[in-house]
Amino acid sequence: LDVNDYQDKLIQEIKNKVLILKERAKPFQRDVEME
């Protein structure tokens, strides 16, 4: 279920955060915790 595309926007927001955190983890070779 989705309401006014809330889930779709949430998925995109999470994927964008993950992309940023993955790019932070790679060069520093460190684990990164999400909220």
PDB file of all heavy atoms in Angstrom:
ATOM      1  N   LEU A   1       0.852  -1.188   0.000  1.00  0.00           N
ATOM      2  CA  LEU A   1       0.000   0.000   0.000  1.00  0.00           C
ATOM      3  C   LEU A   1       0.884   1.233   0.000  1.00  0.00           C
ATOM      4  O   LEU A   1       1.956   1.240   0.603  1.00  0.00           O
ATOM      5  CB  LEU A   1      -0.861   0.057   1.260  1.00  0.00           C
ATOM      6  CG  LEU A   1      -2.082  -0.832   1.338  1.00  0.00           C
ATOM      7  CD1 LEU A   1      -2.839  -0.528   2.623  1.00  0.00           C
ATOM      8  CD2 LEU A   1      -2.984  -0.670   0.153  1.00  0.00           C
ATOM      9  N   ASP A   2       0.399   2.256  -0.644  1.00  0.00           N
ATOM     10  CA  ASP A   2       1.084   3.539  -0.646  1.00  0.00           C
ATOM     11  C   ASP A   2       0.022   4.625  -0.566  1.00  0.00           C
ATOM     12  O   ASP A   2      -1.118   4.404  -0.973  1.00  0.00           O
ATOM     13  CB  ASP A   2       1.911   3.689  -1.928  1.00  0.00           C
ATOM     14  CG  ASP A   2       2.993   4.744  -1.832  1.00  0.00           C
ATOM     15  OD1 ASP A   2       3.018   5.492  -0.827  1.00  0.00           O
ATOM     16  OD2 ASP A   2       3.816   4.828  -2.755  1.00  0.00           O
ATOM     17  N   VAL A   3       0.369   5.753  -0.017  1.00  0.00           N
ATOM     18  CA  VAL A   3      -0.544   6.885   0.061  1.00  0.00           C
ATOM     19  C   VAL A   3       0.151   8.085  -0.570  1.00  0.00           C
ATOM     20  O   VAL A   3       1.233   8.487  -0.113  1.00  0.00           O
ATOM     21  CB  VAL A   3      -0.942   7.205   1.522  1.00  0.00           C
ATOM     22  CG1 VAL A   3      -1.795   8.457   1.582  1.00  0.00           C
ATOM     23  CG2 VAL A   3      -1.663   6.030   2.154  1.00  0.00           C
ATOM     24  N   ASN A   4      -0.444   8.610  -1.628  1.00  0.00           N
ATOM     25  CA  ASN A   4       0.101   9.780  -2.333  1.00  0.00           C
ATOM     26  C   ASN A   4       1.591   9.633  -2.629  1.00  0.00           C
ATOM     27  O   ASN A   4       2.369  10.577  -2.467  1.00  0.00           O
ATOM     28  CB  ASN A   4      -0.173  11.066  -1.556  1.00  0.00           C
ATOM     29  CG  ASN A   4      -1.646  11.377  -1.443  1.00  0.00           C
ATOM     30  OD1 ASN A   4      -2.471  10.812  -2.141  1.00  0.00           O
ATOM     31  ND2 ASN A   4      -1.993  12.278  -0.542  1.00  0.00           N
ATOM     32  N   ASP A   5       2.011   8.430  -3.024  1.00  0.00           N
ATOM     33  CA  ASP A   5       3.407   8.112  -3.375  1.00  0.00           C
ATOM     34  C   ASP A   5       4.395   8.294  -2.223  1.00  0.00           C
ATOM     35  O   ASP A   5       5.591   8.472  -2.444  1.00  0.00           O
ATOM     36  CB  ASP A   5       3.858   8.926  -4.596  1.00  0.00           C
ATOM     37  CG  ASP A   5       3.137   8.504  -5.857  1.00  0.00           C
ATOM     38  OD1 ASP A   5       2.976   7.287  -6.065  1.00  0.00           O
ATOM     39  OD2 ASP A   5       2.732   9.387  -6.631  1.00  0.00           O
ATOM     40  N   TYR A   6       3.922   8.217  -0.984  1.00  0.00           N
ATOM     41  CA  TYR A   6       4.799   8.341   0.187  1.00  0.00           C
ATOM     42  C   TYR A   6       5.886   7.263   0.169  1.00  0.00           C
ATOM     43  O   TYR A   6       7.061   7.557   0.373  1.00  0.00           O
ATOM     44  CB  TYR A   6       3.972   8.247   1.476  1.00  0.00           C
ATOM     45  CG  TYR A   6       4.825   8.166   2.727  1.00  0.00           C
ATOM     46  CD1 TYR A   6       5.349   9.316   3.299  1.00  0.00           C
ATOM     47  CD2 TYR A   6       5.115   6.936   3.322  1.00  0.00           C
ATOM     48  CE1 TYR A   6       6.136   9.249   4.437  1.00  0.00           C
ATOM     49  CE2 TYR A   6       5.899   6.865   4.455  1.00  0.00           C
ATOM     50  CZ  TYR A   6       6.409   8.022   5.014  1.00  0.00           C
ATOM     51  OH  TYR A   6       7.194   7.940   6.132  1.00  0.00           O
ATOM     52  N   GLN A   7       5.497   5.994  -0.057  1.00  0.00           N
ATOM     53  CA  GLN A   7       6.462   4.895  -0.032  1.00  0.00           C
ATOM     54  C   GLN A   7       7.499   5.061  -1.141  1.00  0.00           C
ATOM     55  O   GLN A   7       8.680   4.803  -0.935  1.00  0.00           O
ATOM     56  CB  GLN A   7       5.755   3.538  -0.202  1.00  0.00           C
ATOM     57  CG  GLN A   7       4.856   3.176   0.945  1.00  0.00           C
ATOM     58  CD  GLN A   7       5.610   2.672   2.161  1.00  0.00           C
ATOM     59  OE1 GLN A   7       6.795   2.947   2.355  1.00  0.00           O
ATOM     60  NE2 GLN A   7       4.931   1.939   2.999  1.00  0.00           N
ATOM     61  N   ASP A   8       7.051   5.474  -2.315  1.00  0.00           N
ATOM     62  CA  ASP A   8       7.965   5.659  -3.433  1.00  0.00           C
ATOM     63  C   ASP A   8       9.011   6.725  -3.104  1.00  0.00           C
ATOM     64  O   ASP A   8      10.200   6.549  -3.359  1.00  0.00           O
ATOM     65  CB  ASP A   8       7.173   6.039  -4.692  1.00  0.00           C
ATOM     66  CG  ASP A   8       7.984   5.886  -5.958  1.00  0.00           C
ATOM     67  OD1 ASP A   8       8.714   4.881  -6.084  1.00  0.00           O
ATOM     68  OD2 ASP A   8       7.900   6.780  -6.819  1.00  0.00           O
ATOM     69  N   LYS A   9       8.563   7.833  -2.522  1.00  0.00           N
ATOM     70  CA  LYS A   9       9.491   8.903  -2.125  1.00  0.00           C
ATOM     71  C   LYS A   9      10.431   8.427  -1.022  1.00  0.00           C
ATOM     72  O   LYS A   9      11.624   8.744  -1.030  1.00  0.00           O
ATOM     73  CB  LYS A   9       8.708  10.130  -1.671  1.00  0.00           C
ATOM     74  CG  LYS A   9       7.954  10.809  -2.791  1.00  0.00           C
ATOM     75  CD  LYS A   9       7.037  11.895  -2.270  1.00  0.00           C
ATOM     76  CE  LYS A   9       6.121  12.396  -3.381  1.00  0.00           C
ATOM     77  NZ  LYS A   9       5.018  13.207  -2.889  1.00  0.00           N
ATOM     78  N   LEU A  10       9.905   7.635  -0.084  1.00  0.00           N
ATOM     79  CA  LEU A  10      10.722   7.086   1.002  1.00  0.00           C
ATOM     80  C   LEU A  10      11.816   6.177   0.453  1.00  0.00           C
ATOM     81  O   LEU A  10      12.977   6.268   0.854  1.00  0.00           O
ATOM     82  CB  LEU A  10       9.843   6.318   1.995  1.00  0.00           C
ATOM     83  CG  LEU A  10      10.559   5.612   3.143  1.00  0.00           C
ATOM     84  CD1 LEU A  10      11.181   6.631   4.095  1.00  0.00           C
ATOM     85  CD2 LEU A  10       9.601   4.698   3.887  1.00  0.00           C
ATOM     86  N   ILE A  11      11.449   5.316  -0.484  1.00  0.00           N
ATOM     87  CA  ILE A  11      12.427   4.410  -1.092  1.00  0.00           C
ATOM     88  C   ILE A  11      13.543   5.201  -1.767  1.00  0.00           C
ATOM     89  O   ILE A  11      14.730   4.901  -1.588  1.00  0.00           O
ATOM     90  CB  ILE A  11      11.737   3.463  -2.098  1.00  0.00           C
ATOM     91  CG1 ILE A  11      10.849   2.468  -1.360  1.00  0.00           C
ATOM     92  CG2 ILE A  11      12.761   2.735  -2.965  1.00  0.00           C
ATOM     93  CD1 ILE A  11       9.912   1.684  -2.268  1.00  0.00           C
ATOM     94  N   GLN A  12      13.191   6.223  -2.531  1.00  0.00           N
ATOM     95  CA  GLN A  12      14.201   7.030  -3.214  1.00  0.00           C
ATOM     96  C   GLN A  12      15.100   7.760  -2.217  1.00  0.00           C
ATOM     97  O   GLN A  12      16.318   7.842  -2.410  1.00  0.00           O
ATOM     98  CB  GLN A  12      13.539   8.027  -4.167  1.00  0.00           C
ATOM     99  CG  GLN A  12      12.909   7.366  -5.373  1.00  0.00           C
ATOM    100  CD  GLN A  12      13.870   6.432  -6.100  1.00  0.00           C
ATOM    101  OE1 GLN A  12      15.018   6.761  -6.368  1.00  0.00           O
ATOM    102  NE2 GLN A  12      13.400   5.238  -6.408  1.00  0.00           N
ATOM    103  N   GLU A  13      14.497   8.275  -1.148  1.00  0.00           N
ATOM    104  CA  GLU A  13      15.273   8.973  -0.113  1.00  0.00           C
ATOM    105  C   GLU A  13      16.267   8.026   0.556  1.00  0.00           C
ATOM    106  O   GLU A  13      17.443   8.362   0.747  1.00  0.00           O
ATOM    107  CB  GLU A  13      14.307   9.552   0.927  1.00  0.00           C
ATOM    108  CG  GLU A  13      14.971  10.355   2.016  1.00  0.00           C
ATOM    109  CD  GLU A  13      13.936  10.886   3.003  1.00  0.00           C
ATOM    110  OE1 GLU A  13      12.964  11.517   2.578  1.00  0.00           O
ATOM    111  OE2 GLU A  13      14.129  10.646   4.219  1.00  0.00           O
ATOM    112  N   ILE A  14      15.817   6.822   0.883  1.00  0.00           N
ATOM    113  CA  ILE A  14      16.701   5.839   1.528  1.00  0.00           C
ATOM    114  C   ILE A  14      17.811   5.421   0.570  1.00  0.00           C
ATOM    115  O   ILE A  14      18.982   5.339   0.961  1.00  0.00           O
ATOM    116  CB  ILE A  14      15.894   4.618   2.020  1.00  0.00           C
ATOM    117  CG1 ILE A  14      15.006   5.035   3.195  1.00  0.00           C
ATOM    118  CG2 ILE A  14      16.821   3.479   2.428  1.00  0.00           C
ATOM    119  CD1 ILE A  14      14.011   3.986   3.634  1.00  0.00           C
ATOM    120  N   LYS A  15      17.472   5.171  -0.685  1.00  0.00           N
ATOM    121  CA  LYS A  15      18.495   4.770  -1.668  1.00  0.00           C
ATOM    122  C   LYS A  15      19.541   5.865  -1.857  1.00  0.00           C
ATOM    123  O   LYS A  15      20.730   5.577  -1.999  1.00  0.00           O
ATOM    124  CB  LYS A  15      17.847   4.422  -3.002  1.00  0.00           C
ATOM    125  CG  LYS A  15      17.156   3.072  -2.986  1.00  0.00           C
ATOM    126  CD  LYS A  15      16.574   2.741  -4.338  1.00  0.00           C
ATOM    127  CE  LYS A  15      15.973   1.351  -4.354  1.00  0.00           C
ATOM    128  NZ  LYS A  15      15.399   1.004  -5.670  1.00  0.00           N
ATOM    129  N   ASN A  16      19.117   7.130  -1.838  1.00  0.00           N
ATOM    130  CA  ASN A  16      20.070   8.232  -1.946  1.00  0.00           C
ATOM    131  C   ASN A  16      21.001   8.276  -0.738  1.00  0.00           C
ATOM    132  O   ASN A  16      22.208   8.490  -0.881  1.00  0.00           O
ATOM    133  CB  ASN A  16      19.340   9.566  -2.111  1.00  0.00           C
ATOM    134  CG  ASN A  16      18.680   9.712  -3.469  1.00  0.00           C
ATOM    135  OD1 ASN A  16      19.060   9.045  -4.429  1.00  0.00           O
ATOM    136  ND2 ASN A  16      17.683  10.566  -3.548  1.00  0.00           N
ATOM    137  N   LYS A  17      20.456   8.079   0.470  1.00  0.00           N
ATOM    138  CA  LYS A  17      21.291   8.040   1.678  1.00  0.00           C
ATOM    139  C   LYS A  17      22.285   6.889   1.610  1.00  0.00           C
ATOM    140  O   LYS A  17      23.461   7.045   1.959  1.00  0.00           O
ATOM    141  CB  LYS A  17      20.417   7.861   2.930  1.00  0.00           C
ATOM    142  CG  LYS A  17      19.737   9.099   3.410  1.00  0.00           C
ATOM    143  CD  LYS A  17      18.956   8.799   4.682  1.00  0.00           C
ATOM    144  CE  LYS A  17      18.102   9.972   5.095  1.00  0.00           C
ATOM    145  NZ  LYS A  17      17.285   9.657   6.278  1.00  0.00           N
ATOM    146  N   VAL A  18      21.805   5.724   1.163  1.00  0.00           N
ATOM    147  CA  VAL A  18      22.671   4.544   1.074  1.00  0.00           C
ATOM    148  C   VAL A  18      23.817   4.802   0.100  1.00  0.00           C
ATOM    149  O   VAL A  18      24.966   4.459   0.384  1.00  0.00           O
ATOM    150  CB  VAL A  18      21.853   3.294   0.657  1.00  0.00           C
ATOM    151  CG1 VAL A  18      22.757   2.146   0.256  1.00  0.00           C
ATOM    152  CG2 VAL A  18      20.929   2.871   1.790  1.00  0.00           C
ATOM    153  N   LEU A  19      23.521   5.420  -1.028  1.00  0.00           N
ATOM    154  CA  LEU A  19      24.559   5.726  -2.016  1.00  0.00           C
ATOM    155  C   LEU A  19      25.641   6.614  -1.401  1.00  0.00           C
ATOM    156  O   LEU A  19      26.837   6.354  -1.552  1.00  0.00           O
ATOM    157  CB  LEU A  19      23.933   6.403  -3.235  1.00  0.00           C
ATOM    158  CG  LEU A  19      24.880   6.726  -4.381  1.00  0.00           C
ATOM    159  CD1 LEU A  19      25.475   5.454  -4.967  1.00  0.00           C
ATOM    160  CD2 LEU A  19      24.150   7.511  -5.452  1.00  0.00           C
ATOM    161  N   ILE A  20      25.236   7.631  -0.667  1.00  0.00           N
ATOM    162  CA  ILE A  20      26.187   8.539  -0.018  1.00  0.00           C
ATOM    163  C   ILE A  20      27.007   7.791   1.034  1.00  0.00           C
ATOM    164  O   ILE A  20      28.236   7.929   1.092  1.00  0.00           O
ATOM    165  CB  ILE A  20      25.445   9.735   0.616  1.00  0.00           C
ATOM    166  CG1 ILE A  20      24.875  10.639  -0.483  1.00  0.00           C
ATOM    167  CG2 ILE A  20      26.352  10.521   1.556  1.00  0.00           C
ATOM    168  CD1 ILE A  20      23.865  11.662   0.007  1.00  0.00           C
ATOM    169  N   LEU A  21      26.337   6.965   1.850  1.00  0.00           N
ATOM    170  CA  LEU A  21      27.048   6.249   2.912  1.00  0.00           C
ATOM    171  C   LEU A  21      27.978   5.177   2.353  1.00  0.00           C
ATOM    172  O   LEU A  21      29.059   4.942   2.902  1.00  0.00           O
ATOM    173  CB  LEU A  21      26.050   5.654   3.905  1.00  0.00           C
ATOM    174  CG  LEU A  21      25.271   6.687   4.719  1.00  0.00           C
ATOM    175  CD1 LEU A  21      24.222   6.010   5.588  1.00  0.00           C
ATOM    176  CD2 LEU A  21      26.210   7.535   5.571  1.00  0.00           C
ATOM    177  N   LYS A  22      27.588   4.527   1.259  1.00  0.00           N
ATOM    178  CA  LYS A  22      28.477   3.555   0.619  1.00  0.00           C
ATOM    179  C   LYS A  22      29.728   4.245   0.105  1.00  0.00           C
ATOM    180  O   LYS A  22      30.838   3.730   0.260  1.00  0.00           O
ATOM    181  CB  LYS A  22      27.770   2.857  -0.547  1.00  0.00           C
ATOM    182  CG  LYS A  22      26.830   1.780  -0.131  1.00  0.00           C
ATOM    183  CD  LYS A  22      26.122   1.035  -1.243  1.00  0.00           C
ATOM    184  CE  LYS A  22      26.461   1.290  -2.651  1.00  0.00           C
ATOM    185  NZ  LYS A  22      25.701   0.470  -3.613  1.00  0.00           N
ATOM    186  N   GLU A  23      29.558   5.407  -0.492  1.00  0.00           N
ATOM    187  CA  GLU A  23      30.702   6.151  -1.019  1.00  0.00           C
ATOM    188  C   GLU A  23      31.583   6.691   0.109  1.00  0.00           C
ATOM    189  O   GLU A  23      32.752   6.967  -0.104  1.00  0.00           O
ATOM    190  CB  GLU A  23      30.241   7.270  -1.944  1.00  0.00           C
ATOM    191  CG  GLU A  23      29.582   6.770  -3.211  1.00  0.00           C
ATOM    192  CD  GLU A  23      30.420   5.742  -3.960  1.00  0.00           C
ATOM    193  OE1 GLU A  23      31.635   5.960  -4.161  1.00  0.00           O
ATOM    194  OE2 GLU A  23      29.862   4.694  -4.340  1.00  0.00           O
ATOM    195  N   ARG A  24      31.031   6.830   1.288  1.00  0.00           N
ATOM    196  CA  ARG A  24      31.824   7.236   2.448  1.00  0.00           C
ATOM    197  C   ARG A  24      32.590   6.035   3.010  1.00  0.00           C
ATOM    198  O   ARG A  24      33.736   6.159   3.439  1.00  0.00           O
ATOM    199  CB  ARG A  24      30.894   7.807   3.520  1.00  0.00           C
ATOM    200  CG  ARG A  24      31.635   8.422   4.693  1.00  0.00           C
ATOM    201  CD  ARG A  24      30.704   9.045   5.686  1.00  0.00           C
ATOM    202  NE  ARG A  24      29.998  10.172   5.091  1.00  0.00           N
ATOM    203  CZ  ARG A  24      28.914  10.730   5.597  1.00  0.00           C
ATOM    204  NH1 ARG A  24      28.388  10.252   6.699  1.00  0.00           N
ATOM    205  NH2 ARG A  24      28.341  11.749   5.005  1.00  0.00           N
ATOM    206  N   ALA A  25      31.959   4.857   2.999  1.00  0.00           N
ATOM    207  CA  ALA A  25      32.580   3.656   3.558  1.00  0.00           C
ATOM    208  C   ALA A  25      33.759   3.173   2.722  1.00  0.00           C
ATOM    209  O   ALA A  25      34.757   2.706   3.267  1.00  0.00           O
ATOM    210  CB  ALA A  25      31.544   2.538   3.683  1.00  0.00           C
ATOM    211  N   LYS A  26      33.678   3.294   1.423  1.00  0.00           N
ATOM    212  CA  LYS A  26      34.715   2.741   0.540  1.00  0.00           C
ATOM    213  C   LYS A  26      36.074   3.436   0.669  1.00  0.00           C
ATOM    214  O   LYS A  26      37.068   2.769   0.944  1.00  0.00           O
ATOM    215  CB  LYS A  26      34.235   2.748  -0.911  1.00  0.00           C
ATOM    216  CG  LYS A  26      33.164   1.717  -1.172  1.00  0.00           C
ATOM    217  CD  LYS A  26      32.684   1.795  -2.603  1.00  0.00           C
ATOM    218  CE  LYS A  26      31.564   0.834  -2.864  1.00  0.00           C
ATOM    219  NZ  LYS A  26      31.097   0.902  -4.264  1.00  0.00           N
ATOM    220  N   PRO A  27      36.169   4.748   0.479  1.00  0.00           N
ATOM    221  CA  PRO A  27      37.510   5.344   0.539  1.00  0.00           C
ATOM    222  C   PRO A  27      38.130   5.310   1.939  1.00  0.00           C
ATOM    223  O   PRO A  27      39.342   5.199   2.075  1.00  0.00           O
ATOM    224  CB  PRO A  27      37.304   6.782   0.061  1.00  0.00           C
ATOM    225  CG  PRO A  27      35.867   7.063   0.201  1.00  0.00           C
ATOM    226  CD  PRO A  27      35.161   5.749   0.109  1.00  0.00           C
ATOM    227  N   PHE A  28      37.276   5.394   2.959  1.00  0.00           N
ATOM    228  CA  PHE A  28      37.793   5.373   4.329  1.00  0.00           C
ATOM    229  C   PHE A  28      37.915   3.948   4.853  1.00  0.00           C
ATOM    230  O   PHE A  28      38.474   3.730   5.921  1.00  0.00           O
ATOM    231  CB  PHE A  28      36.893   6.199   5.253  1.00  0.00           C
ATOM    232  CG  PHE A  28      36.880   7.664   4.920  1.00  0.00           C
ATOM    233  CD1 PHE A  28      35.736   8.263   4.436  1.00  0.00           C
ATOM    234  CD2 PHE A  28      38.025   8.436   5.072  1.00  0.00           C
ATOM    235  CE1 PHE A  28      35.725   9.624   4.114  1.00  0.00           C
ATOM    236  CE2 PHE A  28      38.023   9.784   4.754  1.00  0.00           C
ATOM    237  CZ  PHE A  28      36.868  10.384   4.268  1.00  0.00           C
ATOM    238  N   GLN A  29      37.385   2.987   4.100  1.00  0.00           N
ATOM    239  CA  GLN A  29      37.400   1.576   4.485  1.00  0.00           C
ATOM    240  C   GLN A  29      36.917   1.397   5.925  1.00  0.00           C
ATOM    241  O   GLN A  29      37.543   0.723   6.739  1.00  0.00           O
ATOM    242  CB  GLN A  29      38.790   0.980   4.272  1.00  0.00           C
ATOM    243  CG  GLN A  29      39.224   1.034   2.835  1.00  0.00           C
ATOM    244  CD  GLN A  29      40.576   0.413   2.601  1.00  0.00           C
ATOM    245  OE1 GLN A  29      41.216  -0.105   3.502  1.00  0.00           O
ATOM    246  NE2 GLN A  29      41.025   0.452   1.354  1.00  0.00           N
ATOM    247  N   ARG A  30      35.780   1.999   6.202  1.00  0.00           N
ATOM    248  CA  ARG A  30      35.183   1.976   7.539  1.00  0.00           C
ATOM    249  C   ARG A  30      33.719   1.576   7.443  1.00  0.00           C
ATOM    250  O   ARG A  30      33.059   1.783   6.438  1.00  0.00           O
ATOM    251  CB  ARG A  30      35.236   3.363   8.184  1.00  0.00           C
ATOM    252  CG  ARG A  30      36.619   3.896   8.393  1.00  0.00           C
ATOM    253  CD  ARG A  30      37.122   3.483   9.767  1.00  0.00           C
ATOM    254  NE  ARG A  30      38.379   4.140  10.030  1.00  0.00           N
ATOM    255  CZ  ARG A  30      39.492   3.506  10.287  1.00  0.00           C
ATOM    256  NH1 ARG A  30      39.519   2.213  10.317  1.00  0.00           N
ATOM    257  NH2 ARG A  30      40.596   4.164  10.528  1.00  0.00           N
ATOM    258  N   ASP A  31      33.207   1.018   8.536  1.00  0.00           N
ATOM    259  CA  ASP A  31      31.788   0.717   8.643  1.00  0.00           C
ATOM    260  C   ASP A  31      31.035   2.013   8.926  1.00  0.00           C
ATOM    261  O   ASP A  31      31.543   2.892   9.622  1.00  0.00           O
ATOM    262  CB  ASP A  31      31.521  -0.268   9.781  1.00  0.00           C
ATOM    263  CG  ASP A  31      32.193  -1.616   9.547  1.00  0.00           C
ATOM    264  OD1 ASP A  31      32.675  -1.862   8.420  1.00  0.00           O
ATOM    265  OD2 ASP A  31      32.225  -2.422  10.492  1.00  0.00           O
ATOM    266  N   VAL A  32      29.832   2.116   8.376  1.00  0.00           N
ATOM    267  CA  VAL A  32      29.003   3.304   8.561  1.00  0.00           C
ATOM    268  C   VAL A  32      27.642   2.843   9.081  1.00  0.00           C
ATOM    269  O   VAL A  32      27.006   1.976   8.479  1.00  0.00           O
ATOM    270  CB  VAL A  32      28.822   4.074   7.234  1.00  0.00           C
ATOM    271  CG1 VAL A  32      27.954   5.292   7.445  1.00  0.00           C
ATOM    272  CG2 VAL A  32      30.166   4.465   6.651  1.00  0.00           C
ATOM    273  N   GLU A  33      27.208   3.426  10.206  1.00  0.00           N
ATOM    274  CA  GLU A  33      25.911   3.075  10.785  1.00  0.00           C
ATOM    275  C   GLU A  33      24.848   4.039  10.302  1.00  0.00           C
ATOM    276  O   GLU A  33      25.060   5.243  10.274  1.00  0.00           O
ATOM    277  CB  GLU A  33      25.968   3.168  12.316  1.00  0.00           C
ATOM    278  CG  GLU A  33      26.478   1.946  12.978  1.00  0.00           C
ATOM    279  CD  GLU A  33      26.303   1.983  14.495  1.00  0.00           C
ATOM    280  OE1 GLU A  33      25.424   2.700  14.998  1.00  0.00           O
ATOM    281  OE2 GLU A  33      27.060   1.279  15.159  1.00  0.00           O
ATOM    282  N   MET A  34      23.704   3.474   9.954  1.00  0.00           N
ATOM    283  CA  MET A  34      22.559   4.312   9.598  1.00  0.00           C
ATOM    284  C   MET A  34      21.745   4.565  10.862  1.00  0.00           C
ATOM    285  O   MET A  34      21.939   3.905  11.875  1.00  0.00           O
ATOM    286  CB  MET A  34      21.704   3.617   8.547  1.00  0.00           C
ATOM    287  CG  MET A  34      22.443   3.448   7.224  1.00  0.00           C
ATOM    288  SD  MET A  34      21.357   2.990   5.878  1.00  0.00           S
ATOM    289  CE  MET A  34      20.401   4.482   5.666  1.00  0.00           C
ATOM    290  N   GLU A  35      20.815   5.521  10.775  1.00  0.00           N
ATOM    291  CA  GLU A  35      19.927   5.762  11.901  1.00  0.00           C
ATOM    292  C   GLU A  35      18.935   4.606  11.990  1.00  0.00           C
ATOM    293  O   GLU A  35      18.717   3.889  11.012  1.00  0.00           O
ATOM    294  CB  GLU A  35      19.200   7.107  11.763  1.00  0.00           C
ATOM    295  CG  GLU A  35      18.254   7.188  10.599  1.00  0.00           C
ATOM    296  CD  GLU A  35      18.902   7.633   9.296  1.00  0.00           C
ATOM    297  OE1 GLU A  35      20.116   7.880   9.254  1.00  0.00           O
ATOM    298  OE2 GLU A  35      18.182   7.704   8.287  1.00  0.00           O
TER     299      GLU A  35
END
